[in-house]
């Protein structure tokens, strides 16, 4: 069922994007899509897919946190959990930009910066 809906949605999107049938045909396809999207069965499937994706995402986040925590414990010898939602400044990550790359071999360094103000 989901594969058929995906195929139909892909076909419809491809046709709409690639069709040269004009505004009238586009409006017909758009109204049919809205009609399909409004069906209770389609809304149920969409809701189920969203719930499943959320559950899978939560499981993946937990698995990543567990792995990172295990590696962190081995490296530092402490028992701590890594929170992926923390900002870089709270986790101690580098917040300063990296140094500019060196010029290519044989290239002369620029003496003055280009004028970008237009003056």
N, C-alpha and C. Protein backbone atom coordinates (compact mmCIF):
# COMPACT_ATOMS: atom_id res chain seq x y z
N UNK A 1 0.82 -1.19 0.00
CA UNK A 1 0.00 0.00 0.00
C UNK A 1 0.87 1.26 0.00
N UNK A 2 1.87 1.26 0.89
CA UNK A 2 2.74 2.43 0.99
C UNK A 2 3.58 2.59 -0.27
N UNK A 3 4.01 1.47 -0.84
CA UNK A 3 4.80 1.54 -2.07
C UNK A 3 3.98 2.10 -3.22
N UNK A 4 2.70 1.71 -3.28
CA UNK A 4 1.84 2.23 -4.34
C UNK A 4 1.62 3.72 -4.16
N UNK A 5 1.41 4.16 -2.92
CA UNK A 5 1.22 5.59 -2.67
C UNK A 5 2.49 6.37 -3.02
N UNK A 6 3.64 5.81 -2.66
CA UNK A 6 4.91 6.47 -2.98
C UNK A 6 5.11 6.56 -4.48
N UNK A 7 4.79 5.47 -5.17
CA UNK A 7 4.92 5.46 -6.62
C UNK A 7 3.97 6.49 -7.25
N UNK A 8 2.73 6.53 -6.77
CA UNK A 8 1.76 7.48 -7.30
C UNK A 8 2.19 8.92 -7.03
N UNK A 9 2.68 9.18 -5.81
CA UNK A 9 3.14 10.53 -5.48
C UNK A 9 4.34 10.92 -6.33
N UNK A 10 5.27 9.99 -6.53
CA UNK A 10 6.44 10.27 -7.37
C UNK A 10 6.06 10.53 -8.81
N UNK A 11 5.14 9.71 -9.32
CA UNK A 11 4.69 9.89 -10.69
C UNK A 11 3.99 11.24 -10.84
N UNK A 12 3.12 11.55 -9.88
CA UNK A 12 2.40 12.83 -9.94
C UNK A 12 3.34 14.02 -9.88
N UNK A 13 4.31 13.95 -8.97
CA UNK A 13 5.27 15.05 -8.85
C UNK A 13 6.10 15.19 -10.13
N UNK A 14 6.53 14.07 -10.68
CA UNK A 14 7.30 14.11 -11.93
C UNK A 14 6.50 14.68 -13.08
N UNK A 15 5.25 14.29 -13.14
CA UNK A 15 4.40 14.79 -14.23
C UNK A 15 4.18 16.30 -14.08
N UNK A 16 3.87 16.72 -12.85
CA UNK A 16 3.61 18.15 -12.63
C UNK A 16 4.85 18.96 -12.94
N UNK A 17 6.01 18.48 -12.49
CA UNK A 17 7.24 19.24 -12.72
C UNK A 17 7.67 19.21 -14.18
N UNK A 18 7.38 18.12 -14.88
CA UNK A 18 7.86 18.00 -16.25
C UNK A 18 6.82 18.28 -17.32
N UNK A 19 5.58 18.41 -16.92
CA UNK A 19 4.51 18.56 -17.92
C UNK A 19 4.51 19.96 -18.53
N UNK A 20 4.10 19.99 -19.78
CA UNK A 20 3.96 21.27 -20.46
C UNK A 20 2.50 21.45 -20.87
N UNK A 21 1.60 20.92 -20.02
CA UNK A 21 0.18 20.95 -20.35
C UNK A 21 -0.48 22.27 -19.97
N UNK A 22 0.21 23.11 -19.25
CA UNK A 22 -0.33 24.41 -18.94
C UNK A 22 -0.96 24.49 -17.56
N UNK A 23 -1.45 25.67 -17.24
CA UNK A 23 -2.00 25.97 -15.92
C UNK A 23 -3.27 25.17 -15.64
N UNK A 24 -4.08 24.96 -16.65
CA UNK A 24 -5.35 24.25 -16.45
C UNK A 24 -5.10 22.81 -15.98
N UNK A 25 -4.21 22.11 -16.64
CA UNK A 25 -3.90 20.74 -16.26
C UNK A 25 -3.23 20.70 -14.89
N UNK A 26 -2.38 21.65 -14.60
CA UNK A 26 -1.73 21.74 -13.30
C UNK A 26 -2.79 21.89 -12.20
N UNK A 27 -3.77 22.74 -12.44
CA UNK A 27 -4.84 22.96 -11.47
C UNK A 27 -5.65 21.68 -11.26
N UNK A 28 -5.90 20.92 -12.33
CA UNK A 28 -6.63 19.66 -12.21
C UNK A 28 -5.84 18.67 -11.34
N UNK A 29 -4.56 18.56 -11.61
CA UNK A 29 -3.72 17.62 -10.84
C UNK A 29 -3.65 18.06 -9.38
N UNK A 30 -3.50 19.35 -9.16
CA UNK A 30 -3.42 19.86 -7.80
C UNK A 30 -4.70 19.59 -7.02
N UNK A 31 -5.85 19.78 -7.64
CA UNK A 31 -7.12 19.52 -6.95
C UNK A 31 -7.29 18.04 -6.65
N UNK A 32 -6.85 17.17 -7.57
CA UNK A 32 -6.92 15.72 -7.32
C UNK A 32 -6.01 15.33 -6.17
N UNK A 33 -4.83 15.92 -6.11
CA UNK A 33 -3.91 15.65 -5.01
C UNK A 33 -4.52 16.07 -3.68
N UNK A 34 -5.11 17.25 -3.64
CA UNK A 34 -5.74 17.73 -2.41
C UNK A 34 -6.90 16.82 -2.00
N UNK A 35 -7.64 16.33 -2.98
CA UNK A 35 -8.73 15.40 -2.70
C UNK A 35 -8.18 14.11 -2.08
N UNK A 36 -7.12 13.58 -2.68
CA UNK A 36 -6.49 12.37 -2.15
C UNK A 36 -5.93 12.60 -0.75
N UNK A 37 -5.26 13.71 -0.55
CA UNK A 37 -4.64 14.01 0.74
C UNK A 37 -5.69 14.19 1.83
N UNK A 38 -6.91 14.56 1.46
CA UNK A 38 -7.97 14.77 2.43
C UNK A 38 -8.67 13.49 2.85
N UNK A 39 -8.40 12.38 2.17
CA UNK A 39 -9.06 11.11 2.51
C UNK A 39 -8.59 10.63 3.88
N UNK A 40 -9.51 10.12 4.71
CA UNK A 40 -9.13 9.64 6.04
C UNK A 40 -8.09 8.51 6.00
N UNK A 41 -8.18 7.62 5.03
CA UNK A 41 -7.21 6.51 4.95
C UNK A 41 -5.80 7.04 4.69
N UNK A 42 -5.69 8.02 3.82
CA UNK A 42 -4.38 8.60 3.52
C UNK A 42 -3.84 9.34 4.74
N UNK A 43 -4.71 10.04 5.44
CA UNK A 43 -4.28 10.75 6.64
C UNK A 43 -3.84 9.77 7.73
N UNK A 44 -4.53 8.62 7.85
CA UNK A 44 -4.12 7.61 8.83
C UNK A 44 -2.74 7.05 8.50
N UNK A 45 -2.52 6.74 7.21
CA UNK A 45 -1.22 6.21 6.80
C UNK A 45 -0.13 7.25 7.05
N UNK A 46 -0.41 8.50 6.73
CA UNK A 46 0.56 9.57 6.95
C UNK A 46 0.89 9.70 8.43
N UNK A 47 -0.13 9.63 9.26
CA UNK A 47 0.08 9.72 10.71
C UNK A 47 0.91 8.53 11.21
N UNK A 48 0.60 7.33 10.72
CA UNK A 48 1.36 6.15 11.13
C UNK A 48 2.82 6.25 10.71
N UNK A 49 3.06 6.75 9.51
CA UNK A 49 4.43 6.91 9.03
C UNK A 49 5.18 7.93 9.89
N UNK A 50 4.52 9.04 10.24
CA UNK A 50 5.16 10.05 11.08
C UNK A 50 5.49 9.49 12.46
N UNK A 51 4.57 8.72 13.03
CA UNK A 51 4.82 8.11 14.35
C UNK A 51 5.97 7.12 14.29
N UNK A 52 5.99 6.30 13.24
CA UNK A 52 7.06 5.32 13.08
C UNK A 52 8.41 6.02 12.91
N UNK A 53 8.44 7.06 12.10
CA UNK A 53 9.69 7.81 11.89
C UNK A 53 10.17 8.43 13.19
N UNK A 54 9.25 8.95 13.99
CA UNK A 54 9.61 9.54 15.27
C UNK A 54 10.19 8.49 16.21
N UNK A 55 9.57 7.32 16.25
CA UNK A 55 10.05 6.24 17.10
C UNK A 55 11.45 5.79 16.66
N UNK A 56 11.64 5.62 15.37
CA UNK A 56 12.94 5.21 14.84
C UNK A 56 14.00 6.27 15.16
N UNK A 57 13.63 7.55 15.01
CA UNK A 57 14.56 8.63 15.32
C UNK A 57 14.95 8.63 16.79
N UNK A 58 13.99 8.40 17.68
CA UNK A 58 14.29 8.34 19.11
C UNK A 58 15.22 7.17 19.43
N UNK A 59 14.96 6.02 18.80
CA UNK A 59 15.83 4.86 19.03
C UNK A 59 17.24 5.14 18.52
N UNK A 60 17.35 5.78 17.37
CA UNK A 60 18.67 6.09 16.81
C UNK A 60 19.41 7.07 17.71
N UNK A 61 18.70 8.07 18.22
CA UNK A 61 19.33 9.05 19.11
C UNK A 61 19.84 8.37 20.38
N UNK A 62 19.03 7.46 20.94
CA UNK A 62 19.45 6.72 22.13
C UNK A 62 20.68 5.87 21.84
N UNK A 63 20.68 5.19 20.69
CA UNK A 63 21.81 4.34 20.32
C UNK A 63 23.08 5.17 20.15
N UNK A 64 22.96 6.30 19.49
CA UNK A 64 24.13 7.17 19.29
C UNK A 64 24.64 7.69 20.63
N UNK A 65 23.73 8.13 21.50
CA UNK A 65 24.14 8.61 22.82
C UNK A 65 24.85 7.51 23.60
N UNK A 66 24.33 6.28 23.54
CA UNK A 66 24.96 5.16 24.24
C UNK A 66 26.36 4.89 23.71
N UNK A 67 26.52 4.88 22.39
CA UNK A 67 27.83 4.62 21.80
C UNK A 67 28.82 5.73 22.13
N UNK A 68 28.38 6.98 22.02
CA UNK A 68 29.27 8.11 22.32
C UNK A 68 29.64 8.08 23.79
N UNK A 69 28.70 7.76 24.64
CA UNK A 69 28.96 7.68 26.07
C UNK A 69 29.97 6.58 26.37
N UNK A 70 29.82 5.43 25.71
CA UNK A 70 30.75 4.32 25.93
C UNK A 70 32.17 4.70 25.49
N UNK A 71 32.28 5.36 24.35
CA UNK A 71 33.59 5.79 23.87
C UNK A 71 34.17 6.85 24.80
N UNK A 72 33.33 7.77 25.24
CA UNK A 72 33.77 8.82 26.14
C UNK A 72 34.26 8.23 27.46
N UNK A 73 33.56 7.21 27.96
CA UNK A 73 33.96 6.55 29.20
C UNK A 73 35.33 5.88 29.06
N UNK A 74 35.57 5.25 27.92
CA UNK A 74 36.85 4.59 27.68
C UNK A 74 37.98 5.61 27.61
N UNK A 75 37.72 6.75 26.97
CA UNK A 75 38.76 7.76 26.78
C UNK A 75 39.05 8.51 28.07
N UNK A 76 38.01 8.97 28.75
CA UNK A 76 38.21 9.81 29.92
C UNK A 76 38.18 9.05 31.24
N UNK A 77 37.66 7.84 31.24
CA UNK A 77 37.58 7.08 32.46
C UNK A 77 36.47 7.54 33.39
N UNK A 78 35.55 8.37 32.88
CA UNK A 78 34.43 8.83 33.68
C UNK A 78 33.14 8.30 33.10
N UNK A 79 32.10 8.39 33.90
CA UNK A 79 30.78 7.93 33.46
C UNK A 79 29.90 9.15 33.22
N UNK A 80 29.70 9.54 31.96
CA UNK A 80 28.87 10.69 31.63
C UNK A 80 28.09 10.41 30.37
N UNK A 81 26.94 11.06 30.25
CA UNK A 81 26.09 10.91 29.07
C UNK A 81 26.24 12.15 28.21
N UNK A 82 26.33 11.97 26.91
CA UNK A 82 26.47 13.07 25.98
C UNK A 82 25.08 13.50 25.54
N UNK A 83 24.78 14.79 25.65
CA UNK A 83 23.49 15.32 25.21
C UNK A 83 23.70 15.99 23.86
N UNK A 84 23.09 15.44 22.82
CA UNK A 84 23.27 15.98 21.48
C UNK A 84 22.56 17.31 21.29
N UNK A 85 21.70 17.70 22.22
CA UNK A 85 20.96 18.95 22.09
C UNK A 85 21.70 20.14 22.67
N UNK A 86 22.83 19.91 23.34
CA UNK A 86 23.58 21.01 23.93
C UNK A 86 24.26 21.83 22.83
N UNK A 87 24.46 23.10 23.10
CA UNK A 87 25.15 23.94 22.12
C UNK A 87 26.64 23.66 22.18
N UNK A 88 27.36 24.07 21.16
CA UNK A 88 28.80 23.81 21.07
C UNK A 88 29.55 24.48 22.21
N UNK A 89 29.08 25.64 22.67
CA UNK A 89 29.81 26.34 23.72
C UNK A 89 29.70 25.60 25.04
N UNK A 90 28.62 24.88 25.27
CA UNK A 90 28.45 24.15 26.52
C UNK A 90 29.23 22.84 26.53
N UNK A 91 29.46 22.28 25.36
CA UNK A 91 30.16 20.99 25.29
C UNK A 91 31.67 21.16 25.22
N UNK A 92 32.14 22.39 25.13
CA UNK A 92 33.57 22.61 25.06
C UNK A 92 34.13 22.48 23.67
N UNK A 93 33.27 22.43 22.67
CA UNK A 93 33.74 22.33 21.29
C UNK A 93 34.37 23.64 20.87
N UNK A 94 35.24 23.56 19.89
CA UNK A 94 35.91 24.75 19.39
C UNK A 94 34.90 25.67 18.73
N UNK A 95 34.85 26.92 19.18
CA UNK A 95 33.91 27.88 18.62
C UNK A 95 34.61 28.93 17.77
N UNK A 96 35.92 28.95 17.77
CA UNK A 96 36.64 29.92 16.95
C UNK A 96 36.84 29.36 15.56
N UNK A 97 36.83 30.21 14.54
CA UNK A 97 37.01 29.70 13.18
C UNK A 97 38.42 29.16 12.98
N UNK A 98 38.53 28.24 12.07
CA UNK A 98 39.83 27.66 11.74
C UNK A 98 40.70 28.70 11.05
N UNK A 99 42.00 28.50 11.12
CA UNK A 99 42.93 29.41 10.47
C UNK A 99 42.76 29.34 8.96
N UNK A 100 43.04 30.45 8.30
CA UNK A 100 42.91 30.50 6.84
C UNK A 100 43.94 29.57 6.21
N UNK A 101 43.58 28.92 5.12
CA UNK A 101 44.53 28.02 4.48
C UNK A 101 45.70 28.79 3.86
N UNK A 102 46.83 28.14 3.80
CA UNK A 102 48.02 28.76 3.21
C UNK A 102 47.81 28.90 1.70
N UNK A 103 48.43 29.92 1.09
CA UNK A 103 48.29 30.08 -0.36
C UNK A 103 48.93 28.91 -1.09
N UNK A 104 48.49 28.68 -2.31
CA UNK A 104 49.04 27.59 -3.12
C UNK A 104 50.52 27.85 -3.40
N UNK A 105 51.26 26.77 -3.57
CA UNK A 105 52.69 26.89 -3.85
C UNK A 105 52.90 27.71 -5.12
N UNK A 106 53.77 28.67 -5.05
CA UNK A 106 54.08 29.50 -6.21
C UNK A 106 53.18 30.73 -6.33
N UNK A 107 52.16 30.83 -5.49
CA UNK A 107 51.26 31.98 -5.55
C UNK A 107 51.79 33.07 -4.65
N UNK A 108 51.72 34.30 -5.10
CA UNK A 108 52.17 35.43 -4.30
C UNK A 108 51.07 35.84 -3.34
N UNK A 109 51.46 36.24 -2.14
CA UNK A 109 50.48 36.69 -1.16
C UNK A 109 49.93 38.05 -1.59
N UNK A 110 48.66 38.29 -1.32
CA UNK A 110 48.04 39.55 -1.67
C UNK A 110 48.51 40.64 -0.73
N UNK A 111 48.86 41.80 -1.28
CA UNK A 111 49.36 42.91 -0.46
C UNK A 111 48.19 43.71 0.08
N UNK A 112 47.16 43.93 -0.73
CA UNK A 112 46.00 44.67 -0.28
C UNK A 112 44.74 43.88 -0.53
N UNK A 113 43.76 44.12 0.30
CA UNK A 113 42.49 43.44 0.13
C UNK A 113 41.72 44.13 -0.99
N UNK A 114 40.91 43.40 -1.72
CA UNK A 114 40.12 44.03 -2.79
C UNK A 114 39.06 44.96 -2.20
N UNK A 115 38.72 46.00 -2.95
CA UNK A 115 37.73 46.96 -2.51
C UNK A 115 36.34 46.42 -2.85
N UNK A 116 35.58 46.03 -1.83
CA UNK A 116 34.24 45.48 -2.08
C UNK A 116 33.15 46.48 -1.80
N UNK A 117 33.50 47.70 -1.40
CA UNK A 117 32.49 48.70 -1.09
C UNK A 117 31.97 49.40 -2.33
N UNK A 118 32.66 49.31 -3.42
CA UNK A 118 32.25 49.94 -4.66
C UNK A 118 32.64 51.40 -4.74
N UNK A 119 33.42 51.89 -3.79
CA UNK A 119 33.81 53.30 -3.77
C UNK A 119 34.96 53.56 -4.67
